[in-house]
Structures are given as C-alpha cells and as structure tokens.
PDB file of all heavy atoms in Angstrom:
ATOM      1  N   PRO A   1     284.690  76.779 263.378  1.00  0.00           N
ATOM      2  CA  PRO A   1     284.037  75.504 263.717  1.00  0.00           C
ATOM      3  C   PRO A   1     283.993  75.179 265.206  1.00  0.00           C
ATOM      4  O   PRO A   1     283.236  74.290 265.618  1.00  0.00           O
ATOM      5  CB  PRO A   1     284.874  74.468 262.959  1.00  0.00           C
ATOM      6  CG  PRO A   1     286.213  75.113 262.768  1.00  0.00           C
ATOM      7  CD  PRO A   1     285.922  76.571 262.577  1.00  0.00           C
ATOM      8  N   ASP A   2     284.778  75.866 266.032  1.00  0.00           N
ATOM      9  CA  ASP A   2     284.835  75.525 267.453  1.00  0.00           C
ATOM     10  C   ASP A   2     284.006  76.439 268.343  1.00  0.00           C
ATOM     11  O   ASP A   2     284.008  76.299 269.572  1.00  0.00           O
ATOM     12  CB  ASP A   2     286.294  75.516 267.929  1.00  0.00           C
ATOM     13  CG  ASP A   2     287.118  74.443 267.236  1.00  0.00           C
ATOM     14  OD1 ASP A   2     286.523  73.421 266.823  1.00  0.00           O
ATOM     15  OD2 ASP A   2     288.331  74.629 267.078  1.00  0.00           O
ATOM     16  N   VAL A   3     283.288  77.375 267.741  1.00  0.00           N
ATOM     17  CA  VAL A   3     282.501  78.320 268.539  1.00  0.00           C
ATOM     18  C   VAL A   3     281.352  77.634 269.262  1.00  0.00           C
ATOM     19  O   VAL A   3     281.060  77.932 270.423  1.00  0.00           O
ATOM     20  CB  VAL A   3     281.984  79.465 267.648  1.00  0.00           C
ATOM     21  CG1 VAL A   3     280.881  80.252 268.360  1.00  0.00           C
ATOM     22  CG2 VAL A   3     283.133  80.398 267.280  1.00  0.00           C
ATOM     23  N   LEU A   4     280.662  76.714 268.593  1.00  0.00           N
ATOM     24  CA  LEU A   4     279.472  76.104 269.189  1.00  0.00           C
ATOM     25  C   LEU A   4     279.772  75.486 270.550  1.00  0.00           C
ATOM     26  O   LEU A   4     279.025  75.707 271.515  1.00  0.00           O
ATOM     27  CB  LEU A   4     278.886  75.050 268.247  1.00  0.00           C
ATOM     28  CG  LEU A   4     277.701  74.249 268.804  1.00  0.00           C
ATOM     29  CD1 LEU A   4     276.561  75.160 269.212  1.00  0.00           C
ATOM     30  CD2 LEU A   4     277.239  73.215 267.793  1.00  0.00           C
ATOM     31  N   ALA A   5     280.844  74.721 270.654  1.00  0.00           N
ATOM     32  CA  ALA A   5     281.148  74.048 271.921  1.00  0.00           C
ATOM     33  C   ALA A   5     281.414  75.056 273.037  1.00  0.00           C
ATOM     34  O   ALA A   5     280.978  74.863 274.182  1.00  0.00           O
ATOM     35  CB  ALA A   5     282.351  73.127 271.741  1.00  0.00           C
ATOM     36  N   LEU A   6     282.110  76.148 272.707  1.00  0.00           N
ATOM     37  CA  LEU A   6     282.403  77.153 273.728  1.00  0.00           C
ATOM     38  C   LEU A   6     281.147  77.933 274.096  1.00  0.00           C
ATOM     39  O   LEU A   6     280.912  78.230 275.278  1.00  0.00           O
ATOM     40  CB  LEU A   6     283.494  78.103 273.228  1.00  0.00           C
ATOM     41  CG  LEU A   6     284.011  79.124 274.235  1.00  0.00           C
ATOM     42  CD1 LEU A   6     284.535  78.453 275.500  1.00  0.00           C
ATOM     43  CD2 LEU A   6     285.108  79.989 273.615  1.00  0.00           C
ATOM     44  N   LEU A   7     280.321  78.266 273.115  1.00  0.00           N
ATOM     45  CA  LEU A   7     279.103  79.013 273.402  1.00  0.00           C
ATOM     46  C   LEU A   7     278.150  78.184 274.264  1.00  0.00           C
ATOM     47  O   LEU A   7     277.484  78.719 275.164  1.00  0.00           O
ATOM     48  CB  LEU A   7     278.425  79.425 272.096  1.00  0.00           C
ATOM     49  CG  LEU A   7     277.251  80.384 272.248  1.00  0.00           C
ATOM     50  CD1 LEU A   7     277.696  81.711 272.852  1.00  0.00           C
ATOM     51  CD2 LEU A   7     276.579  80.621 270.895  1.00  0.00           C
ATOM     52  N   ARG A   8     278.083  76.884 274.014  1.00  0.00           N
ATOM     53  CA  ARG A   8     277.246  76.020 274.854  1.00  0.00           C
ATOM     54  C   ARG A   8     277.697  76.054 276.310  1.00  0.00           C
ATOM     55  O   ARG A   8     276.878  76.123 277.229  1.00  0.00           O
ATOM     56  CB  ARG A   8     277.280  74.584 274.331  1.00  0.00           C
ATOM     57  CG  ARG A   8     276.373  74.326 273.151  1.00  0.00           C
ATOM     58  CD  ARG A   8     276.507  72.897 272.670  1.00  0.00           C
ATOM     59  NE  ARG A   8     275.524  72.576 271.650  1.00  0.00           N
ATOM     60  CZ  ARG A   8     275.597  71.506 270.881  1.00  0.00           C
ATOM     61  NH1 ARG A   8     276.627  70.654 270.997  1.00  0.00           N
ATOM     62  NH2 ARG A   8     274.666  71.268 269.980  1.00  0.00           N
ATOM     63  N   ARG A   9     279.000  75.993 276.519  1.00  0.00           N
ATOM     64  CA  ARG A   9     279.533  76.061 277.883  1.00  0.00           C
ATOM     65  C   ARG A   9     279.117  77.373 278.548  1.00  0.00           C
ATOM     66  O   ARG A   9     278.668  77.381 279.696  1.00  0.00           O
ATOM     67  CB  ARG A   9     281.067  75.993 277.867  1.00  0.00           C
ATOM     68  CG  ARG A   9     281.679  74.691 277.465  1.00  0.00           C
ATOM     69  CD  ARG A   9     283.198  74.793 277.537  1.00  0.00           C
ATOM     70  NE  ARG A   9     283.640  74.927 278.910  1.00  0.00           N
ATOM     71  CZ  ARG A   9     284.088  73.927 279.668  1.00  0.00           C
ATOM     72  NH1 ARG A   9     284.149  72.710 279.159  1.00  0.00           N
ATOM     73  NH2 ARG A   9     284.464  74.137 280.914  1.00  0.00           N
ATOM     74  N   ASN A  10     279.303  78.466 277.823  1.00  0.00           N
ATOM     75  CA  ASN A  10     279.047  79.778 278.418  1.00  0.00           C
ATOM     76  C   ASN A  10     277.559  80.027 278.634  1.00  0.00           C
ATOM     77  O   ASN A  10     277.168  80.674 279.610  1.00  0.00           O
ATOM     78  CB  ASN A  10     279.691  80.862 277.563  1.00  0.00           C
ATOM     79  CG  ASN A  10     281.200  80.858 277.689  1.00  0.00           C
ATOM     80  OD1 ASN A  10     281.741  80.443 278.707  1.00  0.00           O
ATOM     81  ND2 ASN A  10     281.886  81.301 276.648  1.00  0.00           N
ATOM     82  N   ALA A  11     276.732  79.520 277.748  1.00  0.00           N
ATOM     83  CA  ALA A  11     275.292  79.639 277.960  1.00  0.00           C
ATOM     84  C   ALA A  11     274.867  78.866 279.206  1.00  0.00           C
ATOM     85  O   ALA A  11     274.081  79.358 280.023  1.00  0.00           O
ATOM     86  CB  ALA A  11     274.536  79.148 276.730  1.00  0.00           C
ATOM     87  N   ALA A  12     275.408  77.668 279.375  1.00  0.00           N
ATOM     88  CA  ALA A  12     275.070  76.865 280.555  1.00  0.00           C
ATOM     89  C   ALA A  12     275.540  77.546 281.835  1.00  0.00           C
ATOM     90  O   ALA A  12     274.845  77.506 282.860  1.00  0.00           O
ATOM     91  CB  ALA A  12     275.691  75.473 280.431  1.00  0.00           C
ATOM     92  N   LEU A  13     276.712  78.174 281.811  1.00  0.00           N
ATOM     93  CA  LEU A  13     277.231  78.866 282.991  1.00  0.00           C
ATOM     94  C   LEU A  13     276.304  79.983 283.444  1.00  0.00           C
ATOM     95  O   LEU A  13     276.265  80.324 284.633  1.00  0.00           O
ATOM     96  CB  LEU A  13     278.608  79.473 282.680  1.00  0.00           C
ATOM     97  CG  LEU A  13     279.832  78.584 282.800  1.00  0.00           C
ATOM     98  CD1 LEU A  13     281.059  79.328 282.300  1.00  0.00           C
ATOM     99  CD2 LEU A  13     280.024  78.140 284.241  1.00  0.00           C
ATOM    100  N   ASN A  14     275.551  80.560 282.508  1.00  0.00           N
ATOM    101  CA  ASN A  14     274.728  81.730 282.801  1.00  0.00           C
ATOM    102  C   ASN A  14     273.236  81.445 282.724  1.00  0.00           C
ATOM    103  O   ASN A  14     272.432  82.383 282.715  1.00  0.00           O
ATOM    104  CB  ASN A  14     275.103  82.861 281.836  1.00  0.00           C
ATOM    105  CG  ASN A  14     276.510  83.369 282.077  1.00  0.00           C
ATOM    106  OD1 ASN A  14     276.734  84.185 282.954  1.00  0.00           O
ATOM    107  ND2 ASN A  14     277.467  82.867 281.304  1.00  0.00           N
ATOM    108  N   ASP A  15     272.873  80.156 282.686  1.00  0.00           N
ATOM    109  CA  ASP A  15     271.453  79.785 282.574  1.00  0.00           C
ATOM    110  C   ASP A  15     270.775  80.560 281.443  1.00  0.00           C
ATOM    111  O   ASP A  15     269.655  81.055 281.593  1.00  0.00           O
ATOM    112  CB  ASP A  15     270.714  80.036 283.894  1.00  0.00           C
ATOM    113  CG  ASP A  15     271.216  79.135 285.018  1.00  0.00           C
ATOM    114  OD1 ASP A  15     271.471  77.951 284.738  1.00  0.00           O
ATOM    115  OD2 ASP A  15     271.356  79.619 286.147  1.00  0.00           O
ATOM    116  N   ALA A  16     271.472  80.666 280.331  1.00  0.00           N
ATOM    117  CA  ALA A  16     270.965  81.406 279.183  1.00  0.00           C
ATOM    118  C   ALA A  16     270.631  80.452 278.040  1.00  0.00           C
ATOM    119  O   ALA A  16     271.272  79.403 277.886  1.00  0.00           O
ATOM    120  CB  ALA A  16     272.000  82.432 278.720  1.00  0.00           C
ATOM    121  N   VAL A  17     269.644  80.822 277.257  1.00  0.00           N
ATOM    122  CA  VAL A  17     269.269  80.036 276.083  1.00  0.00           C
ATOM    123  C   VAL A  17     269.655  80.827 274.841  1.00  0.00           C
ATOM    124  O   VAL A  17     269.178  81.946 274.630  1.00  0.00           O
ATOM    125  CB  VAL A  17     267.757  79.740 276.071  1.00  0.00           C
ATOM    126  CG1 VAL A  17     267.372  78.996 274.791  1.00  0.00           C
ATOM    127  CG2 VAL A  17     267.356  78.937 277.304  1.00  0.00           C
ATOM    128  N   ILE A  18     270.547  80.252 274.039  1.00  0.00           N
ATOM    129  CA  ILE A  18     270.987  80.886 272.799  1.00  0.00           C
ATOM    130  C   ILE A  18     270.949  79.832 271.689  1.00  0.00           C
ATOM    131  O   ILE A  18     271.560  78.765 271.831  1.00  0.00           O
ATOM    132  CB  ILE A  18     272.417  81.451 272.918  1.00  0.00           C
ATOM    133  CG1 ILE A  18     272.468  82.547 273.991  1.00  0.00           C
ATOM    134  CG2 ILE A  18     272.898  82.001 271.575  1.00  0.00           C
ATOM    135  CD1 ILE A  18     273.865  83.072 274.272  1.00  0.00           C
ATOM    136  N   ALA A  19     270.231  80.106 270.634  1.00  0.00           N
ATOM    137  CA  ALA A  19     270.206  79.211 269.477  1.00  0.00           C
ATOM    138  C   ALA A  19     271.392  79.560 268.581  1.00  0.00           C
ATOM    139  O   ALA A  19     271.608  80.733 268.265  1.00  0.00           O
ATOM    140  CB  ALA A  19     268.894  79.371 268.716  1.00  0.00           C
ATOM    141  N   TYR A  20     272.147  78.549 268.182  1.00  0.00           N
ATOM    142  CA  TYR A  20     273.359  78.801 267.396  1.00  0.00           C
ATOM    143  C   TYR A  20     273.252  78.153 266.021  1.00  0.00           C
ATOM    144  O   TYR A  20     272.764  77.023 265.881  1.00  0.00           O
ATOM    145  CB  TYR A  20     274.579  78.249 268.115  1.00  0.00           C
ATOM    146  CG  TYR A  20     275.869  78.441 267.329  1.00  0.00           C
ATOM    147  CD1 TYR A  20     276.537  79.652 267.363  1.00  0.00           C
ATOM    148  CD2 TYR A  20     276.382  77.418 266.531  1.00  0.00           C
ATOM    149  CE1 TYR A  20     277.698  79.853 266.630  1.00  0.00           C
ATOM    150  CE2 TYR A  20     277.534  77.611 265.792  1.00  0.00           C
ATOM    151  CZ  TYR A  20     278.189  78.831 265.846  1.00  0.00           C
ATOM    152  OH  TYR A  20     279.335  79.022 265.109  1.00  0.00           O
ATOM    153  N   HIS A  21     273.731  78.883 265.009  1.00  0.00           N
ATOM    154  CA  HIS A  21     273.842  78.347 263.656  1.00  0.00           C
ATOM    155  C   HIS A  21     275.189  78.798 263.089  1.00  0.00           C
ATOM    156  O   HIS A  21     275.509  79.985 263.158  1.00  0.00           O
ATOM    157  CB  HIS A  21     272.727  78.872 262.749  1.00  0.00           C
ATOM    158  CG  HIS A  21     271.357  78.486 263.186  1.00  0.00           C
ATOM    159  ND1 HIS A  21     270.743  77.325 262.784  1.00  0.00           N
ATOM    160  CD2 HIS A  21     270.480  79.098 264.008  1.00  0.00           C
ATOM    161  CE1 HIS A  21     269.551  77.240 263.336  1.00  0.00           C
ATOM    162  NE2 HIS A  21     269.364  78.306 264.086  1.00  0.00           N
ATOM    163  N   PRO A  22     275.980  77.879 262.534  1.00  0.00           N
ATOM    164  CA  PRO A  22     277.210  78.327 261.880  1.00  0.00           C
ATOM    165  C   PRO A  22     276.867  79.191 260.681  1.00  0.00           C
ATOM    166  O   PRO A  22     275.870  78.942 259.990  1.00  0.00           O
ATOM    167  CB  PRO A  22     277.889  77.019 261.454  1.00  0.00           C
ATOM    168  CG  PRO A  22     276.785  76.022 261.400  1.00  0.00           C
ATOM    169  CD  PRO A  22     275.783  76.428 262.426  1.00  0.00           C
ATOM    170  N   GLY A  23     277.664  80.226 260.460  1.00  0.00           N
ATOM    171  CA  GLY A  23     277.365  81.094 259.327  1.00  0.00           C
ATOM    172  C   GLY A  23     278.430  82.138 259.131  1.00  0.00           C
ATOM    173  O   GLY A  23     279.201  82.440 260.037  1.00  0.00           O
ATOM    174  N   ASP A  24     278.470  82.697 257.926  1.00  0.00           N
ATOM    175  CA  ASP A  24     279.502  83.646 257.531  1.00  0.00           C
ATOM    176  C   ASP A  24     278.841  84.803 256.794  1.00  0.00           C
ATOM    177  O   ASP A  24     277.934  84.593 255.979  1.00  0.00           O
ATOM    178  CB  ASP A  24     280.502  82.936 256.611  1.00  0.00           C
ATOM    179  CG  ASP A  24     281.797  83.695 256.431  1.00  0.00           C
ATOM    180  OD1 ASP A  24     281.740  84.944 256.316  1.00  0.00           O
ATOM    181  OD2 ASP A  24     282.856  83.061 256.392  1.00  0.00           O
ATOM    182  N   VAL A  25     279.310  86.030 257.072  1.00  0.00           N
ATOM    183  CA  VAL A  25     278.741  87.198 256.379  1.00  0.00           C
ATOM    184  C   VAL A  25     279.006  87.155 254.881  1.00  0.00           C
ATOM    185  O   VAL A  25     278.357  87.877 254.123  1.00  0.00           O
ATOM    186  CB  VAL A  25     279.281  88.522 256.960  1.00  0.00           C
ATOM    187  CG1 VAL A  25     278.834  88.710 258.397  1.00  0.00           C
ATOM    188  CG2 VAL A  25     280.795  88.607 256.842  1.00  0.00           C
ATOM    189  N   ALA A  26     279.937  86.322 254.449  1.00  0.00           N
ATOM    190  CA  ALA A  26     280.203  86.201 253.021  1.00  0.00           C
ATOM    191  C   ALA A  26     279.018  85.591 252.275  1.00  0.00           C
ATOM    192  O   ALA A  26     278.928  85.698 251.052  1.00  0.00           O
ATOM    193  CB  ALA A  26     281.449  85.360 252.771  1.00  0.00           C
ATOM    194  N   ASP A  27     278.102  84.952 252.997  1.00  0.00           N
ATOM    195  CA  ASP A  27     276.937  84.318 252.379  1.00  0.00           C
ATOM    196  C   ASP A  27     275.667  84.768 253.098  1.00  0.00           C
ATOM    197  O   ASP A  27     275.075  84.022 253.879  1.00  0.00           O
ATOM    198  CB  ASP A  27     277.073  82.794 252.437  1.00  0.00           C
ATOM    199  CG  ASP A  27     276.038  82.074 251.579  1.00  0.00           C
ATOM    200  OD1 ASP A  27     275.115  82.749 251.070  1.00  0.00           O
ATOM    201  OD2 ASP A  27     276.154  80.851 251.421  1.00  0.00           O
ATOM    202  N   PRO A  28     275.229  86.021 252.865  1.00  0.00           N
ATOM    203  CA  PRO A  28     274.055  86.541 253.584  1.00  0.00           C
ATOM    204  C   PRO A  28     272.782  85.760 253.324  1.00  0.00           C
ATOM    205  O   PRO A  28     271.927  85.658 254.196  1.00  0.00           O
ATOM    206  CB  PRO A  28     273.946  87.989 253.101  1.00  0.00           C
ATOM    207  CG  PRO A  28     274.743  88.055 251.852  1.00  0.00           C
ATOM    208  CD  PRO A  28     275.818  87.029 251.980  1.00  0.00           C
ATOM    209  N   GLU A  29     272.651  85.189 252.130  1.00  0.00           N
ATOM    210  CA  GLU A  29     271.447  84.399 251.839  1.00  0.00           C
ATOM    211  C   GLU A  29     271.363  83.201 252.774  1.00  0.00           C
ATOM    212  O   GLU A  29     270.288  82.890 253.309  1.00  0.00           O
ATOM    213  CB  GLU A  29     271.472  83.930 250.376  1.00  0.00           C
ATOM    214  CG  GLU A  29     271.469  85.045 249.355  1.00  0.00           C
ATOM    215  CD  GLU A  29     270.179  85.844 249.388  1.00  0.00           C
ATOM    216  OE1 GLU A  29     269.139  85.278 249.773  1.00  0.00           O
ATOM    217  OE2 GLU A  29     270.220  87.040 249.043  1.00  0.00           O
ATOM    218  N   ALA A  30     272.487  82.510 252.975  1.00  0.00           N
ATOM    219  CA  ALA A  30     272.495  81.361 253.872  1.00  0.00           C
ATOM    220  C   ALA A  30     272.255  81.792 255.316  1.00  0.00           C
ATOM    221  O   ALA A  30     271.591  81.085 256.082  1.00  0.00           O
ATOM    222  CB  ALA A  30     273.831  80.619 253.761  1.00  0.00           C
ATOM    223  N   LEU A  31     272.784  82.962 255.699  1.00  0.00           N
ATOM    224  CA  LEU A  31     272.556  83.464 257.056  1.00  0.00           C
ATOM    225  C   LEU A  31     271.071  83.689 257.307  1.00  0.00           C
ATOM    226  O   LEU A  31     270.534  83.270 258.340  1.00  0.00           O
ATOM    227  CB  LEU A  31     273.308  84.778 257.269  1.00  0.00           C
ATOM    228  CG  LEU A  31     274.769  84.745 257.678  1.00  0.00           C
ATOM    229  CD1 LEU A  31     275.261  86.159 257.955  1.00  0.00           C
ATOM    230  CD2 LEU A  31     274.987  83.862 258.893  1.00  0.00           C
ATOM    231  N   VAL A  32     270.406  84.354 256.386  1.00  0.00           N
ATOM    232  CA  VAL A  32     268.985  84.638 256.559  1.00  0.00           C
ATOM    233  C   VAL A  32     268.180  83.342 256.547  1.00  0.00           C
ATOM    234  O   VAL A  32     267.223  83.179 257.313  1.00  0.00           O
ATOM    235  CB  VAL A  32     268.483  85.606 255.465  1.00  0.00           C
ATOM    236  CG1 VAL A  32     266.971  85.781 255.539  1.00  0.00           C
ATOM    237  CG2 VAL A  32     269.170  86.956 255.610  1.00  0.00           C
ATOM    238  N   ALA A  33     268.591  82.396 255.713  1.00  0.00           N
ATOM    239  CA  ALA A  33     267.875  81.118 255.652  1.00  0.00           C
ATOM    240  C   ALA A  33     267.954  80.371 256.977  1.00  0.00           C
ATOM    241  O   ALA A  33     266.982  79.723 257.392  1.00  0.00           O
ATOM    242  CB  ALA A  33     268.446  80.259 254.529  1.00  0.00           C
ATOM    243  N   SER A  34     269.099  80.446 257.657  1.00  0.00           N
ATOM    244  CA  SER A  34     269.261  79.701 258.913  1.00  0.00           C
ATOM    245  C   SER A  34     268.824  80.486 260.138  1.00  0.00           C
ATOM    246  O   SER A  34     268.336  79.908 261.111  1.00  0.00           O
ATOM    247  CB  SER A  34     270.718  79.254 259.082  1.00  0.00           C
ATOM    248  OG  SER A  34     271.597  80.362 259.131  1.00  0.00           O
ATOM    249  N   LEU A  35     268.984  81.813 260.104  1.00  0.00           N
ATOM    250  CA  LEU A  35     268.703  82.631 261.280  1.00  0.00           C
ATOM    251  C   LEU A  35     267.384  83.381 261.205  1.00  0.00           C
ATOM    252  O   LEU A  35     266.829  83.765 262.239  1.00  0.00           O
ATOM    253  CB  LEU A  35     269.827  83.656 261.479  1.00  0.00           C
ATOM    254  CG  LEU A  35     271.221  83.108 261.777  1.00  0.00           C
ATOM    255  CD1 LEU A  35     272.252  84.225 261.683  1.00  0.00           C
ATOM    256  CD2 LEU A  35     271.280  82.463 263.147  1.00  0.00           C
ATOM    257  N   GLY A  36     266.893  83.635 260.003  1.00  0.00           N
ATOM    258  CA  GLY A  36     265.741  84.505 259.862  1.00  0.00           C
ATOM    259  C   GLY A  36     266.158  85.956 260.049  1.00  0.00           C
ATOM    260  O   GLY A  36     267.308  86.323 259.808  1.00  0.00           O
ATOM    261  N   THR A  37     265.229  86.791 260.489  1.00  0.00           N
ATOM    262  CA  THR A  37     265.537  88.206 260.720  1.00  0.00           C
ATOM    263  C   THR A  37     265.274  88.536 262.185  1.00  0.00           C
ATOM    264  O   THR A  37     264.660  87.761 262.913  1.00  0.00           O
ATOM    265  CB  THR A  37     264.691  89.107 259.816  1.00  0.00           C
ATOM    266  OG1 THR A  37     263.298  88.835 260.056  1.00  0.00           O
ATOM    267  CG2 THR A  37     265.020  88.864 258.350  1.00  0.00           C
ATOM    268  N   ALA A  38     265.744  89.710 262.607  1.00  0.00           N
ATOM    269  CA  ALA A  38     265.660  90.057 264.025  1.00  0.00           C
ATOM    270  C   ALA A  38     265.332  91.528 264.208  1.00  0.00           C
ATOM    271  O   ALA A  38     265.540  92.357 263.315  1.00  0.00           O
ATOM    272  CB  ALA A  38     266.976  89.723 264.727  1.00  0.00           C
ATOM    273  N   ASP A  39     264.843  91.835 265.413  1.00  0.00           N
ATOM    274  CA  ASP A  39     264.584  93.229 265.790  1.00  0.00           C
ATOM    275  C   ASP A  39     265.886  93.982 266.038  1.00  0.00           C
ATOM    276  O   ASP A  39     265.979  95.184 265.786  1.00  0.00           O
ATOM    277  CB  ASP A  39     263.745  93.281 267.068  1.00  0.00           C
ATOM    278  CG  ASP A  39     262.458  92.496 266.945  1.00  0.00           C
ATOM    279  OD1 ASP A  39     261.650  92.844 266.068  1.00  0.00           O
ATOM    280  OD2 ASP A  39     262.275  91.530 267.707  1.00  0.00           O
ATOM    281  N   VAL A  40     266.884  93.253 266.575  1.00  0.00           N
ATOM    282  CA  VAL A  40     268.180  93.854 266.885  1.00  0.00           C
ATOM    283  C   VAL A  40     269.270  92.929 266.370  1.00  0.00           C
ATOM    284  O   VAL A  40     269.274  91.731 266.680  1.00  0.00           O
ATOM    285  CB  VAL A  40     268.367  94.083 268.403  1.00  0.00           C
ATOM    286  CG1 VAL A  40     269.716  94.749 268.684  1.00  0.00           C
ATOM    287  CG2 VAL A  40     267.220  94.909 268.982  1.00  0.00           C
ATOM    288  N   VAL A  41     270.199  93.462 265.586  1.00  0.00           N
ATOM    289  CA  VAL A  41     271.330  92.691 265.061  1.00  0.00           C
ATOM    290  C   VAL A  41     272.605  93.277 265.649  1.00  0.00           C
ATOM    291  O   VAL A  41     272.850  94.484 265.569  1.00  0.00           O
ATOM    292  CB  VAL A  41     271.376  92.742 263.514  1.00  0.00           C
ATOM    293  CG1 VAL A  41     272.553  91.933 262.994  1.00  0.00           C
ATOM    294  CG2 VAL A  41     270.064  92.209 262.932  1.00  0.00           C
TER     295      VAL A  41
END
C-alpha cells in the first residue's frame, strides 16, 4: 500500500511520467483490467 507515495516522489525527481495501479499477480484478471497489455512487461 505504500508504493504509490514513494513512486510519485521518484518519478518527480526524474521528470518521469509513470501511471500507477495497485495490483497483485495473484489476480491476473484484475491486473489486466487496470493495466491493459503492453509491448514489454
């Protein structure tokens, strides 16, 4: 639950844009629903 706050800090430090969604590999259906699919995982 605390990853989002740290990732926001680190993205800001590097002028990077990263979209974040909480998720767990135990629920791949929910992961795909929130993240979609990608060219590189």
